[in-house]
Amino acid sequence: MLIDTKRMWKAIVIGDAFISPDTMEAALRESDLKVQYIKKLFWGSRDKNIYTKMQQRVERYGPEAEPWAEGLEDVIEDADLIFHCYAPLCKEILEKGKELKVILTCRSGTEQIDMDYCTKRHIQVETVVRNKTAVAEFVVGQMIALTRNIAVSDRKMKGGTWTKNYENDIFRRSIADQTVGIIGMGNISRELLKLLKVFGCQILVCSSHMEEGKDGCITYTKSMEQVFREADIITLQLRECEKTRNIIDRELLSLMKPSAYLINTARAGILDYDALYERLAEKKIAGAALDVFPEEPFLEKRFFRLDSVLLTPHVAGDTLDAIANAPYALMKKLKEEGKIE
């Protein structure tokens, strides 16, 4: 659906701790859209740790999980466009926007928006994948750092220990000699496929939305069990929703080979962390790399004591260009898709 460039839009921009309302305003004014006015609001805490917890609650439980941006109820009645990121837009506040026609969202997910209501009201919602390349690159980095002991070697040397012997020595191989399993086929997974093809490895992709079959080095399957049985490295790329919550459970983890590794840069809620810890502590799998956690900051020291685990503080998509430039990336995407003419 085209966004009318002849219309004088009455816009609301809702910034947050990571993307300022000033950046959103600038991206909107530099686009081909004409604006009658822009009203700027802020959602959440300016403390990024507190904000992240609010963001996670919205992702997990929907737009009712957190209050909407302060002052939104005072300006939404006449507005016809909202430009935001994680700021929740529940049915109650959307009903007050009688003239609302377009919602521009600086991320790929829409958990923060009552999409059923938007569909019913014919409110156009546009999104952008802001960090797919950053996350895909990070996952490849995790694979190499984990399987080749780069991180644990660094920790041991800085602790005064010189050693070339590690728990996974009998499994140590290059990525080219391994099968990489990808659970979920979204934008990040597609970027990941481009990078992995360069390594010359075999790739197993599990997606319920794609036809099963083989395409060169890639095998597509609908069976997660197959991926967990056959893959040497498994990366999770699923969104968290009611259907996927704790989908990577004890039963699936028990199918992994003793030489296999698990990587999670997606969402903590899709994985049973207690079951994963048991597999790691009992040396039933070779290792894991985790960037997302049930509670953040993550302070479970039982994981800290395992050399087979690579932990990072939810930074897979956190590059200077990925987040701060998301408003510009969205406007560029709309231009390229012909939705702004």
C-alpha atoms as a PDB file:
ATOM      1  CA  MET A   1       0.000   0.000   0.000  1.00  0.00           C
ATOM      2  CA  LEU A   2       1.385   3.402  -0.953  1.00  0.00           C
ATOM      3  CA  ILE A   3       1.892   6.134   1.635  1.00  0.00           C
ATOM      4  CA  ASP A   4       0.504   9.389   0.256  1.00  0.00           C
ATOM      5  CA  THR A   5       3.298  11.905  -0.369  1.00  0.00           C
ATOM      6  CA  LYS A   6       0.835  14.667  -1.194  1.00  0.00           C
ATOM      7  CA  ARG A   7      -0.837  14.486   2.192  1.00  0.00           C
ATOM      8  CA  MET A   8       0.310  16.807   4.975  1.00  0.00           C
ATOM      9  CA  TRP A   9       0.903  14.268   7.736  1.00  0.00           C
ATOM     10  CA  LYS A  10       0.223  14.982  11.391  1.00  0.00           C
ATOM     11  CA  ALA A  11       2.911  12.866  12.987  1.00  0.00           C
ATOM     12  CA  ILE A  12       3.892  11.592  16.412  1.00  0.00           C
ATOM     13  CA  VAL A  13       7.406  10.241  16.963  1.00  0.00           C
ATOM     14  CA  ILE A  14       8.094   8.164  20.072  1.00  0.00           C
ATOM     15  CA  GLY A  15      11.765   7.759  20.896  1.00  0.00           C
ATOM     16  CA  ASP A  16      13.409   5.653  23.579  1.00  0.00           C
ATOM     17  CA  ALA A  17      16.732   4.948  25.290  1.00  0.00           C
ATOM     18  CA  PHE A  18      18.325   3.689  22.068  1.00  0.00           C
ATOM     19  CA  ILE A  19      16.709   5.806  19.341  1.00  0.00           C
ATOM     20  CA  SER A  20      16.047   9.426  20.212  1.00  0.00           C
ATOM     21  CA  PRO A  21      12.877  11.219  19.088  1.00  0.00           C
ATOM     22  CA  ASP A  22      15.172  13.809  17.469  1.00  0.00           C
ATOM     23  CA  THR A  23      16.635  11.127  15.180  1.00  0.00           C
ATOM     24  CA  MET A  24      13.152   9.938  14.249  1.00  0.00           C
ATOM     25  CA  GLU A  25      12.058  13.488  13.524  1.00  0.00           C
ATOM     26  CA  ALA A  26      15.107  14.098  11.331  1.00  0.00           C
ATOM     27  CA  ALA A  27      14.554  10.868   9.355  1.00  0.00           C
ATOM     28  CA  LEU A  28      10.913  11.783   8.773  1.00  0.00           C
ATOM     29  CA  ARG A  29      11.676  15.350   7.704  1.00  0.00           C
ATOM     30  CA  GLU A  30      14.428  14.165   5.318  1.00  0.00           C
ATOM     31  CA  SER A  31      12.051  11.690   3.655  1.00  0.00           C
ATOM     32  CA  ASP A  32       9.672  12.438   0.785  1.00  0.00           C
ATOM     33  CA  LEU A  33       6.726  12.651   3.182  1.00  0.00           C
ATOM     34  CA  LYS A  34       5.316  16.084   3.902  1.00  0.00           C
ATOM     35  CA  VAL A  35       4.502  16.848   7.518  1.00  0.00           C
ATOM     36  CA  GLN A  36       2.167  19.450   8.942  1.00  0.00           C
ATOM     37  CA  TYR A  37       3.631  18.915  12.382  1.00  0.00           C
ATOM     38  CA  ILE A  38       5.669  16.410  14.413  1.00  0.00           C
ATOM     39  CA  LYS A  39       5.024  15.907  18.116  1.00  0.00           C
ATOM     40  CA  LYS A  40       7.864  14.200  19.986  1.00  0.00           C
ATOM     41  CA  LEU A  41       7.399  11.821  22.906  1.00  0.00           C
ATOM     42  CA  PHE A  42       9.656   9.473  24.870  1.00  0.00           C
ATOM     43  CA  TRP A  43       8.823   5.971  26.054  1.00  0.00           C
ATOM     44  CA  GLY A  44      10.405   3.944  28.842  1.00  0.00           C
ATOM     45  CA  SER A  45      13.380   4.652  31.048  1.00  0.00           C
ATOM     46  CA  ARG A  46      16.558   6.441  29.997  1.00  0.00           C
ATOM     47  CA  ASP A  47      18.417   3.804  32.006  1.00  0.00           C
ATOM     48  CA  LYS A  48      19.182   1.217  29.312  1.00  0.00           C
ATOM     49  CA  ASN A  49      19.081  -1.729  31.733  1.00  0.00           C
ATOM     50  CA  ILE A  50      15.605  -0.771  32.977  1.00  0.00           C
ATOM     51  CA  TYR A  51      14.487  -0.017  29.430  1.00  0.00           C
ATOM     52  CA  THR A  52      15.659  -3.444  28.234  1.00  0.00           C
ATOM     53  CA  LYS A  53      13.525  -5.164  30.878  1.00  0.00           C
ATOM     54  CA  MET A  54      10.498  -3.136  29.766  1.00  0.00           C
ATOM     55  CA  GLN A  55      11.227  -4.012  26.154  1.00  0.00           C
ATOM     56  CA  GLN A  56      11.463  -7.721  26.992  1.00  0.00           C
ATOM     57  CA  ARG A  57       8.105  -7.655  28.787  1.00  0.00           C
ATOM     58  CA  VAL A  58       6.472  -6.057  25.753  1.00  0.00           C
ATOM     59  CA  GLU A  59       8.051  -8.638  23.434  1.00  0.00           C
ATOM     60  CA  ARG A  60       6.906 -11.485  25.647  1.00  0.00           C
ATOM     61  CA  TYR A  61       3.457 -10.343  26.741  1.00  0.00           C
ATOM     62  CA  GLY A  62       2.333  -7.799  24.146  1.00  0.00           C
ATOM     63  CA  PRO A  63       1.386  -4.097  24.096  1.00  0.00           C
ATOM     64  CA  GLU A  64      -0.576  -4.282  27.349  1.00  0.00           C
ATOM     65  CA  ALA A  65       2.505  -5.353  29.328  1.00  0.00           C
ATOM     66  CA  GLU A  66       3.782  -1.786  29.787  1.00  0.00           C
ATOM     67  CA  PRO A  67       2.119   1.642  29.804  1.00  0.00           C
ATOM     68  CA  TRP A  68       2.121   3.639  26.593  1.00  0.00           C
ATOM     69  CA  ALA A  69       4.309   6.735  26.210  1.00  0.00           C
ATOM     70  CA  GLU A  70       3.486   9.515  28.634  1.00  0.00           C
ATOM     71  CA  GLY A  71       1.337  12.165  26.962  1.00  0.00           C
ATOM     72  CA  LEU A  72       0.351   9.995  23.997  1.00  0.00           C
ATOM     73  CA  GLU A  73      -3.333  10.114  24.942  1.00  0.00           C
ATOM     74  CA  ASP A  74      -3.181  13.930  24.689  1.00  0.00           C
ATOM     75  CA  VAL A  75      -1.858  14.067  21.110  1.00  0.00           C
ATOM     76  CA  ILE A  76      -3.065  10.930  19.349  1.00  0.00           C
ATOM     77  CA  GLU A  77      -6.630  12.075  18.627  1.00  0.00           C
ATOM     78  CA  ASP A  78      -5.723  14.170  15.568  1.00  0.00           C
ATOM     79  CA  ALA A  79      -2.563  12.345  14.485  1.00  0.00           C
ATOM     80  CA  ASP A  80      -2.587  10.198  11.348  1.00  0.00           C
ATOM     81  CA  LEU A  81       0.986   8.788  11.573  1.00  0.00           C
ATOM     82  CA  ILE A  82       3.024   7.281  14.418  1.00  0.00           C
ATOM     83  CA  PHE A  83       6.780   6.666  14.109  1.00  0.00           C
ATOM     84  CA  HIS A  84       8.142   4.500  16.950  1.00  0.00           C
ATOM     85  CA  CYS A  85      10.180   1.448  17.903  1.00  0.00           C
ATOM     86  CA  TYR A  86       9.269  -0.500  21.052  1.00  0.00           C
ATOM     87  CA  ALA A  87       6.709   1.928  22.499  1.00  0.00           C
ATOM     88  CA  PRO A  88       3.560  -0.173  23.092  1.00  0.00           C
ATOM     89  CA  LEU A  89       0.434   0.612  21.087  1.00  0.00           C
ATOM     90  CA  CYS A  90      -2.435  -1.357  22.612  1.00  0.00           C
ATOM     91  CA  LYS A  91      -6.039  -1.301  21.466  1.00  0.00           C
ATOM     92  CA  GLU A  92      -7.057   1.151  24.184  1.00  0.00           C
ATOM     93  CA  ILE A  93      -4.683   3.872  22.984  1.00  0.00           C
ATOM     94  CA  LEU A  94      -5.142   3.105  19.284  1.00  0.00           C
ATOM     95  CA  GLU A  95      -8.912   3.569  19.648  1.00  0.00           C
ATOM     96  CA  LYS A  96      -8.229   7.174  20.670  1.00  0.00           C
ATOM     97  CA  GLY A  97      -6.435   7.777  17.349  1.00  0.00           C
ATOM     98  CA  LYS A  98      -9.522   8.299  15.229  1.00  0.00           C
ATOM     99  CA  GLU A  99      -7.507   9.652  12.277  1.00  0.00           C
ATOM    100  CA  LEU A 100      -4.619   7.179  12.497  1.00  0.00           C
ATOM    101  CA  LYS A 101      -3.651   5.673   9.137  1.00  0.00           C
ATOM    102  CA  VAL A 102       0.031   4.634   9.295  1.00  0.00           C
ATOM    103  CA  ILE A 103       2.368   3.213  11.939  1.00  0.00           C
ATOM    104  CA  LEU A 104       6.091   3.163  11.109  1.00  0.00           C
ATOM    105  CA  THR A 105       8.101   0.807  13.318  1.00  0.00           C
ATOM    106  CA  CYS A 106      11.917   0.848  13.574  1.00  0.00           C
ATOM    107  CA  ARG A 107      12.204  -2.919  14.036  1.00  0.00           C
ATOM    108  CA  SER A 108      11.001  -6.095  12.351  1.00  0.00           C
ATOM    109  CA  GLY A 109       8.748  -7.341  15.144  1.00  0.00           C
ATOM    110  CA  THR A 110       5.230  -6.106  15.882  1.00  0.00           C
ATOM    111  CA  GLU A 111       4.663  -7.616  19.335  1.00  0.00           C
ATOM    112  CA  GLN A 112       4.339  -4.067  20.710  1.00  0.00           C
ATOM    113  CA  ILE A 113       1.342  -3.306  18.489  1.00  0.00           C
ATOM    114  CA  ASP A 114      -2.210  -4.660  18.614  1.00  0.00           C
ATOM    115  CA  MET A 115      -2.053  -5.959  15.058  1.00  0.00           C
ATOM    116  CA  ASP A 116      -5.565  -7.414  15.123  1.00  0.00           C
ATOM    117  CA  TYR A 117      -6.978  -3.984  15.825  1.00  0.00           C
ATOM    118  CA  CYS A 118      -4.794  -2.392  13.135  1.00  0.00           C
ATOM    119  CA  THR A 119      -6.005  -4.943  10.600  1.00  0.00           C
ATOM    120  CA  LYS A 120      -9.618  -4.310  11.569  1.00  0.00           C
ATOM    121  CA  ARG A 121      -9.142  -0.528  11.284  1.00  0.00           C
ATOM    122  CA  HIS A 122      -7.030  -0.804   8.074  1.00  0.00           C
ATOM    123  CA  ILE A 123      -4.112   0.969   9.768  1.00  0.00           C
ATOM    124  CA  GLN A 124      -1.007   0.378   7.654  1.00  0.00           C
ATOM    125  CA  VAL A 125       1.963  -0.953   9.671  1.00  0.00           C
ATOM    126  CA  GLU A 126       5.467  -0.803   8.152  1.00  0.00           C
ATOM    127  CA  THR A 127       8.564  -2.401   9.709  1.00  0.00           C
ATOM    128  CA  VAL A 128      12.288  -2.697   8.994  1.00  0.00           C
ATOM    129  CA  VAL A 129      14.920  -5.334   9.759  1.00  0.00           C
ATOM    130  CA  ARG A 130      17.473  -3.071  11.385  1.00  0.00           C
ATOM    131  CA  ASN A 131      20.213  -5.464  12.505  1.00  0.00           C
ATOM    132  CA  LYS A 132      20.062  -8.632  10.416  1.00  0.00           C
ATOM    133  CA  THR A 133      23.639  -8.313   9.140  1.00  0.00           C
ATOM    134  CA  ALA A 134      25.014  -7.433  12.574  1.00  0.00           C
ATOM    135  CA  VAL A 135      23.401 -10.478  14.198  1.00  0.00           C
ATOM    136  CA  ALA A 136      24.395 -12.862  11.393  1.00  0.00           C
ATOM    137  CA  GLU A 137      28.027 -11.732  11.626  1.00  0.00           C
ATOM    138  CA  PHE A 138      27.924 -12.121  15.397  1.00  0.00           C
ATOM    139  CA  VAL A 139      26.613 -15.688  15.132  1.00  0.00           C
ATOM    140  CA  VAL A 140      29.472 -16.652  12.821  1.00  0.00           C
ATOM    141  CA  GLY A 141      31.878 -15.058  15.292  1.00  0.00           C
ATOM    142  CA  GLN A 142      30.349 -17.128  18.098  1.00  0.00           C
ATOM    143  CA  MET A 143      30.736 -20.302  16.064  1.00  0.00           C
ATOM    144  CA  ILE A 144      34.440 -19.698  15.528  1.00  0.00           C
ATOM    145  CA  ALA A 145      35.160 -18.413  19.048  1.00  0.00           C
ATOM    146  CA  LEU A 146      33.326 -21.354  20.617  1.00  0.00           C
ATOM    147  CA  THR A 147      34.524 -24.246  18.475  1.00  0.00           C
ATOM    148  CA  ARG A 148      38.137 -22.998  18.310  1.00  0.00           C
ATOM    149  CA  ASN A 149      38.320 -21.961  21.998  1.00  0.00           C
ATOM    150  CA  ILE A 150      39.208 -18.348  21.274  1.00  0.00           C
ATOM    151  CA  ALA A 151      37.287 -16.921  24.233  1.00  0.00           C
ATOM    152  CA  VAL A 152      38.333 -19.531  26.795  1.00  0.00           C
ATOM    153  CA  SER A 153      41.979 -19.306  25.663  1.00  0.00           C
ATOM    154  CA  ASP A 154      41.886 -15.566  26.282  1.00  0.00           C
ATOM    155  CA  ARG A 155      40.343 -16.023  29.741  1.00  0.00           C
ATOM    156  CA  LYS A 156      42.913 -18.624  30.773  1.00  0.00           C
ATOM    157  CA  MET A 157      45.931 -16.665  29.548  1.00  0.00           C
ATOM    158  CA  LYS A 158      44.766 -13.535  31.341  1.00  0.00           C
ATOM    159  CA  GLY A 159      44.330 -15.689  34.433  1.00  0.00           C
ATOM    160  CA  GLY A 160      47.948 -16.814  34.192  1.00  0.00           C
ATOM    161  CA  THR A 161      47.404 -20.228  32.581  1.00  0.00           C
ATOM    162  CA  TRP A 162      49.141 -21.258  29.356  1.00  0.00           C
ATOM    163  CA  THR A 163      47.401 -24.307  27.929  1.00  0.00           C
ATOM    164  CA  LYS A 164      46.527 -25.808  24.584  1.00  0.00           C
ATOM    165  CA  ASN A 165      44.273 -28.488  26.050  1.00  0.00           C
ATOM    166  CA  TYR A 166      40.507 -27.957  26.269  1.00  0.00           C
ATOM    167  CA  GLU A 167      37.374 -29.968  27.008  1.00  0.00           C
ATOM    168  CA  ASN A 168      36.389 -30.121  23.355  1.00  0.00           C
ATOM    169  CA  ASP A 169      39.787 -31.215  22.008  1.00  0.00           C
ATOM    170  CA  ILE A 170      38.436 -34.466  20.579  1.00  0.00           C
ATOM    171  CA  PHE A 171      35.746 -32.530  18.669  1.00  0.00           C
ATOM    172  CA  ARG A 172      37.849 -29.628  17.381  1.00  0.00           C
ATOM    173  CA  ARG A 173      37.238 -29.128  13.659  1.00  0.00           C
ATOM    174  CA  SER A 174      36.902 -26.266  11.206  1.00  0.00           C
ATOM    175  CA  ILE A 175      33.419 -25.040  10.304  1.00  0.00           C
ATOM    176  CA  ALA A 176      33.917 -26.382   6.779  1.00  0.00           C
ATOM    177  CA  ASP A 177      33.915 -29.912   8.188  1.00  0.00           C
ATOM    178  CA  GLN A 178      30.703 -29.462  10.182  1.00  0.00           C
ATOM    179  CA  THR A 179      26.963 -29.325   9.600  1.00  0.00           C
ATOM    180  CA  VAL A 180      25.338 -26.109  10.792  1.00  0.00           C
ATOM    181  CA  GLY A 181      21.672 -26.249  11.775  1.00  0.00           C
ATOM    182  CA  ILE A 182      19.480 -23.129  11.660  1.00  0.00           C
ATOM    183  CA  ILE A 183      16.169 -23.210  13.524  1.00  0.00           C
ATOM    184  CA  GLY A 184      13.834 -20.662  11.947  1.00  0.00           C
ATOM    185  CA  MET A 185      14.005 -18.908   8.582  1.00  0.00           C
ATOM    186  CA  GLY A 186      13.689 -15.155   8.857  1.00  0.00           C
ATOM    187  CA  ASN A 187      15.779 -12.224   7.698  1.00  0.00           C
ATOM    188  CA  ILE A 188      18.699 -12.978  10.030  1.00  0.00           C
ATOM    189  CA  SER A 189      18.787 -16.606   8.898  1.00  0.00           C
ATOM    190  CA  ARG A 190      18.893 -15.527   5.256  1.00  0.00           C
ATOM    191  CA  GLU A 191      21.885 -13.303   5.995  1.00  0.00           C
ATOM    192  CA  LEU A 192      23.481 -16.152   7.910  1.00  0.00           C
ATOM    193  CA  LEU A 193      23.079 -18.476   4.936  1.00  0.00           C
ATOM    194  CA  LYS A 194      25.029 -16.051   2.742  1.00  0.00           C
ATOM    195  CA  LEU A 195      27.937 -16.053   5.200  1.00  0.00           C
ATOM    196  CA  LEU A 196      27.940 -19.790   5.880  1.00  0.00           C
ATOM    197  CA  LYS A 197      28.057 -20.723   2.194  1.00  0.00           C
ATOM    198  CA  VAL A 198      31.512 -19.135   2.070  1.00  0.00           C
ATOM    199  CA  PHE A 199      32.804 -21.648   4.634  1.00  0.00           C
ATOM    200  CA  GLY A 200      31.744 -24.586   2.480  1.00  0.00           C
ATOM    201  CA  CYS A 201      29.897 -26.357   5.278  1.00  0.00           C
ATOM    202  CA  GLN A 202      26.671 -28.333   5.014  1.00  0.00           C
ATOM    203  CA  ILE A 203      23.617 -26.440   6.277  1.00  0.00           C
ATOM    204  CA  LEU A 204      20.343 -27.771   7.701  1.00  0.00           C
ATOM    205  CA  VAL A 205      17.471 -25.283   7.850  1.00  0.00           C
ATOM    206  CA  CYS A 206      14.320 -26.023   9.828  1.00  0.00           C
ATOM    207  CA  SER A 207      11.267 -23.978   8.900  1.00  0.00           C
ATOM    208  CA  SER A 208       7.598 -24.858   8.797  1.00  0.00           C
ATOM    209  CA  HIS A 209       7.087 -22.223   6.089  1.00  0.00           C
ATOM    210  CA  MET A 210       9.407 -23.696   3.445  1.00  0.00           C
ATOM    211  CA  GLU A 211       9.239 -26.762   1.248  1.00  0.00           C
ATOM    212  CA  GLU A 212      11.472 -29.645   2.243  1.00  0.00           C
ATOM    213  CA  GLY A 213      14.301 -30.456  -0.144  1.00  0.00           C
ATOM    214  CA  LYS A 214      17.927 -29.795  -1.007  1.00  0.00           C
ATOM    215  CA  ASP A 215      19.515 -26.824  -2.746  1.00  0.00           C
ATOM    216  CA  GLY A 216      23.258 -27.261  -3.073  1.00  0.00           C
ATOM    217  CA  CYS A 217      24.809 -27.309   0.393  1.00  0.00           C
ATOM    218  CA  ILE A 218      21.467 -26.443   2.057  1.00  0.00           C
ATOM    219  CA  THR A 219      18.888 -28.983   3.156  1.00  0.00           C
ATOM    220  CA  TYR A 220      15.446 -27.691   4.148  1.00  0.00           C
ATOM    221  CA  THR A 221      13.402 -29.685   6.649  1.00  0.00           C
ATOM    222  CA  LYS A 222      10.319 -29.211   8.806  1.00  0.00           C
ATOM    223  CA  SER A 223      11.745 -31.502  11.504  1.00  0.00           C
ATOM    224  CA  MET A 224      13.535 -29.871  14.432  1.00  0.00           C
ATOM    225  CA  GLU A 225      14.323 -33.372  15.652  1.00  0.00           C
ATOM    226  CA  GLN A 226      16.353 -33.987  12.486  1.00  0.00           C
ATOM    227  CA  VAL A 227      18.379 -30.812  13.014  1.00  0.00           C
ATOM    228  CA  PHE A 228      19.095 -31.613  16.671  1.00  0.00           C
ATOM    229  CA  ARG A 229      20.155 -35.153  15.795  1.00  0.00           C
ATOM    230  CA  GLU A 230      22.366 -34.317  12.803  1.00  0.00           C
ATOM    231  CA  ALA A 231      23.808 -30.813  13.231  1.00  0.00           C
ATOM    232  CA  ASP A 232      27.218 -30.123  14.755  1.00  0.00           C
ATOM    233  CA  ILE A 233      26.405 -26.475  15.451  1.00  0.00           C
ATOM    234  CA  ILE A 234      22.812 -25.313  16.020  1.00  0.00           C
ATOM    235  CA  THR A 235      21.810 -21.657  15.984  1.00  0.00           C
ATOM    236  CA  LEU A 236      18.357 -20.571  17.174  1.00  0.00           C
ATOM    237  CA  GLN A 237      16.652 -17.855  15.112  1.00  0.00           C
ATOM    238  CA  LEU A 238      13.042 -18.023  16.309  1.00  0.00           C
ATOM    239  CA  ARG A 239      10.788 -15.293  17.595  1.00  0.00           C
ATOM    240  CA  GLU A 240       9.281 -15.834  21.015  1.00  0.00           C
ATOM    241  CA  CYS A 241       5.516 -16.263  21.089  1.00  0.00           C
ATOM    242  CA  GLU A 242       3.056 -18.585  22.770  1.00  0.00           C
ATOM    243  CA  LYS A 243       3.777 -21.272  20.174  1.00  0.00           C
ATOM    244  CA  THR A 244       7.581 -21.127  20.493  1.00  0.00           C
ATOM    245  CA  ARG A 245       7.953 -20.535  24.246  1.00  0.00           C
ATOM    246  CA  ASN A 246      10.270 -23.237  25.690  1.00  0.00           C
ATOM    247  CA  ILE A 247      10.092 -25.072  22.364  1.00  0.00           C
ATOM    248  CA  ILE A 248      13.778 -26.001  22.698  1.00  0.00           C
ATOM    249  CA  ASP A 249      13.189 -28.326  25.629  1.00  0.00           C
ATOM    250  CA  ARG A 250      14.946 -31.145  27.438  1.00  0.00           C
ATOM    251  CA  GLU A 251      13.745 -33.703  24.892  1.00  0.00           C
ATOM    252  CA  LEU A 252      15.176 -31.824  21.901  1.00  0.00           C
ATOM    253  CA  LEU A 253      18.442 -31.067  23.697  1.00  0.00           C
ATOM    254  CA  SER A 254      18.832 -34.757  24.521  1.00  0.00           C
ATOM    255  CA  LEU A 255      19.018 -35.497  20.769  1.00  0.00           C
ATOM    256  CA  MET A 256      22.204 -33.453  20.320  1.00  0.00           C
ATOM    257  CA  LYS A 257      25.471 -35.240  19.672  1.00  0.00           C
ATOM    258  CA  PRO A 258      28.167 -35.059  22.394  1.00  0.00           C
ATOM    259  CA  SER A 259      30.246 -33.069  19.888  1.00  0.00           C
ATOM    260  CA  ALA A 260      27.505 -30.519  19.135  1.00  0.00           C
ATOM    261  CA  TYR A 261      27.214 -26.832  20.085  1.00  0.00           C
ATOM    262  CA  LEU A 262      24.136 -24.654  20.647  1.00  0.00           C
ATOM    263  CA  ILE A 263      23.955 -20.902  19.950  1.00  0.00           C
ATOM    264  CA  ASN A 264      21.116 -18.619  21.027  1.00  0.00           C
ATOM    265  CA  THR A 265      21.009 -14.993  19.888  1.00  0.00           C
ATOM    266  CA  ALA A 266      17.227 -15.007  19.408  1.00  0.00           C
ATOM    267  CA  ARG A 267      15.121 -14.945  22.584  1.00  0.00           C
ATOM    268  CA  ALA A 268      15.686 -16.588  25.956  1.00  0.00           C
ATOM    269  CA  GLY A 269      12.073 -17.696  26.273  1.00  0.00           C
ATOM    270  CA  ILE A 270      12.363 -20.236  23.457  1.00  0.00           C
ATOM    271  CA  LEU A 271      15.001 -22.275  25.336  1.00  0.00           C
ATOM    272  CA  ASP A 272      14.892 -24.288  28.587  1.00  0.00           C
ATOM    273  CA  TYR A 273      18.024 -22.918  30.289  1.00  0.00           C
ATOM    274  CA  ASP A 274      17.880 -25.392  33.161  1.00  0.00           C
ATOM    275  CA  ALA A 275      17.875 -28.314  30.724  1.00  0.00           C
ATOM    276  CA  LEU A 276      20.716 -26.723  28.756  1.00  0.00           C
ATOM    277  CA  TYR A 277      22.793 -26.276  31.899  1.00  0.00           C
ATOM    278  CA  GLU A 278      22.329 -29.952  32.768  1.00  0.00           C
ATOM    279  CA  ARG A 279      23.543 -31.043  29.326  1.00  0.00           C
ATOM    280  CA  LEU A 280      26.576 -28.773  29.604  1.00  0.00           C
ATOM    281  CA  ALA A 281      27.466 -29.633  33.203  1.00  0.00           C
ATOM    282  CA  GLU A 282      27.217 -33.354  32.474  1.00  0.00           C
ATOM    283  CA  LYS A 283      29.314 -32.864  29.304  1.00  0.00           C
ATOM    284  CA  LYS A 284      26.544 -34.329  27.155  1.00  0.00           C
ATOM    285  CA  ILE A 285      27.170 -31.584  24.558  1.00  0.00           C
ATOM    286  CA  ALA A 286      30.394 -29.790  23.625  1.00  0.00           C
ATOM    287  CA  GLY A 287      29.353 -26.229  24.405  1.00  0.00           C
ATOM    288  CA  ALA A 288      27.015 -23.282  24.009  1.00  0.00           C
ATOM    289  CA  ALA A 289      27.119 -19.584  23.163  1.00  0.00           C
ATOM    290  CA  LEU A 290      24.405 -17.436  24.736  1.00  0.00           C
ATOM    291  CA  ASP A 291      23.606 -13.772  24.102  1.00  0.00           C
ATOM    292  CA  VAL A 292      20.057 -13.676  25.537  1.00  0.00           C
ATOM    293  CA  PHE A 293      18.918 -14.664  29.019  1.00  0.00           C
ATOM    294  CA  PRO A 294      15.763 -15.232  31.107  1.00  0.00           C
ATOM    295  CA  GLU A 295      16.702 -12.240  33.283  1.00  0.00           C
ATOM    296  CA  GLU A 296      19.051  -9.456  32.283  1.00  0.00           C
ATOM    297  CA  PRO A 297      21.569  -8.608  33.652  1.00  0.00           C
ATOM    298  CA  PHE A 298      22.299 -12.335  33.864  1.00  0.00           C
ATOM    299  CA  LEU A 299      24.026 -13.289  37.121  1.00  0.00           C
ATOM    300  CA  GLU A 300      23.645 -17.084  37.284  1.00  0.00           C
ATOM    301  CA  LYS A 301      27.159 -18.069  38.337  1.00  0.00           C
ATOM    302  CA  ARG A 302      26.592 -21.740  37.594  1.00  0.00           C
ATOM    303  CA  PHE A 303      27.019 -20.869  33.907  1.00  0.00           C
ATOM    304  CA  PHE A 304      30.072 -18.719  34.669  1.00  0.00           C
ATOM    305  CA  ARG A 305      31.958 -21.743  35.949  1.00  0.00           C
ATOM    306  CA  LEU A 306      31.671 -23.673  32.668  1.00  0.00           C
ATOM    307  CA  ASP A 307      34.554 -23.242  30.217  1.00  0.00           C
ATOM    308  CA  SER A 308      32.338 -24.722  27.522  1.00  0.00           C
ATOM    309  CA  VAL A 309      30.012 -21.690  27.593  1.00  0.00           C
ATOM    310  CA  LEU A 310      30.543 -18.384  25.792  1.00  0.00           C
ATOM    311  CA  LEU A 311      28.432 -15.598  27.346  1.00  0.00           C
ATOM    312  CA  THR A 312      27.808 -12.123  25.907  1.00  0.00           C
ATOM    313  CA  PRO A 313      25.471  -9.416  27.348  1.00  0.00           C
ATOM    314  CA  HIS A 314      22.766  -9.258  24.637  1.00  0.00           C
ATOM    315  CA  VAL A 315      24.897  -7.373  22.121  1.00  0.00           C
ATOM    316  CA  ALA A 316      24.513  -9.440  18.922  1.00  0.00           C
ATOM    317  CA  GLY A 317      22.681  -6.677  17.059  1.00  0.00           C
ATOM    318  CA  ASP A 318      24.271  -3.770  18.883  1.00  0.00           C
ATOM    319  CA  THR A 319      26.336  -1.907  16.308  1.00  0.00           C
ATOM    320  CA  LEU A 320      26.430   1.848  15.806  1.00  0.00           C
ATOM    321  CA  ASP A 321      24.713   1.617  12.436  1.00  0.00           C
ATOM    322  CA  ALA A 322      22.153  -1.073  13.250  1.00  0.00           C
ATOM    323  CA  ILE A 323      20.080   0.663  15.932  1.00  0.00           C
ATOM    324  CA  ALA A 324      20.674   4.404  15.741  1.00  0.00           C
ATOM    325  CA  ASN A 325      20.160   4.449  11.971  1.00  0.00           C
ATOM    326  CA  ALA A 326      16.999   2.339  12.043  1.00  0.00           C
ATOM    327  CA  PRO A 327      14.656   5.310  11.313  1.00  0.00           C
ATOM    328  CA  TYR A 328      16.668   6.149   8.189  1.00  0.00           C
ATOM    329  CA  ALA A 329      16.811   2.469   7.190  1.00  0.00           C
ATOM    330  CA  LEU A 330      13.018   2.273   7.411  1.00  0.00           C
ATOM    331  CA  MET A 331      12.470   5.353   5.259  1.00  0.00           C
ATOM    332  CA  LYS A 332      14.998   4.013   2.733  1.00  0.00           C
ATOM    333  CA  LYS A 333      13.200   0.642   2.646  1.00  0.00           C
ATOM    334  CA  LEU A 334       9.843   2.315   1.987  1.00  0.00           C
ATOM    335  CA  LYS A 335      11.407   4.324  -0.863  1.00  0.00           C
ATOM    336  CA  GLU A 336      13.033   1.233  -2.413  1.00  0.00           C
ATOM    337  CA  GLU A 337       9.794  -0.741  -2.174  1.00  0.00           C
ATOM    338  CA  GLY A 338       7.895   2.022  -3.918  1.00  0.00           C
ATOM    339  CA  LYS A 339       5.652   2.702  -0.945  1.00  0.00           C
ATOM    340  CA  ILE A 340       6.759   6.340  -0.915  1.00  0.00           C
ATOM    341  CA  GLU A 341       6.624   7.902  -4.347  1.00  0.00           C
END
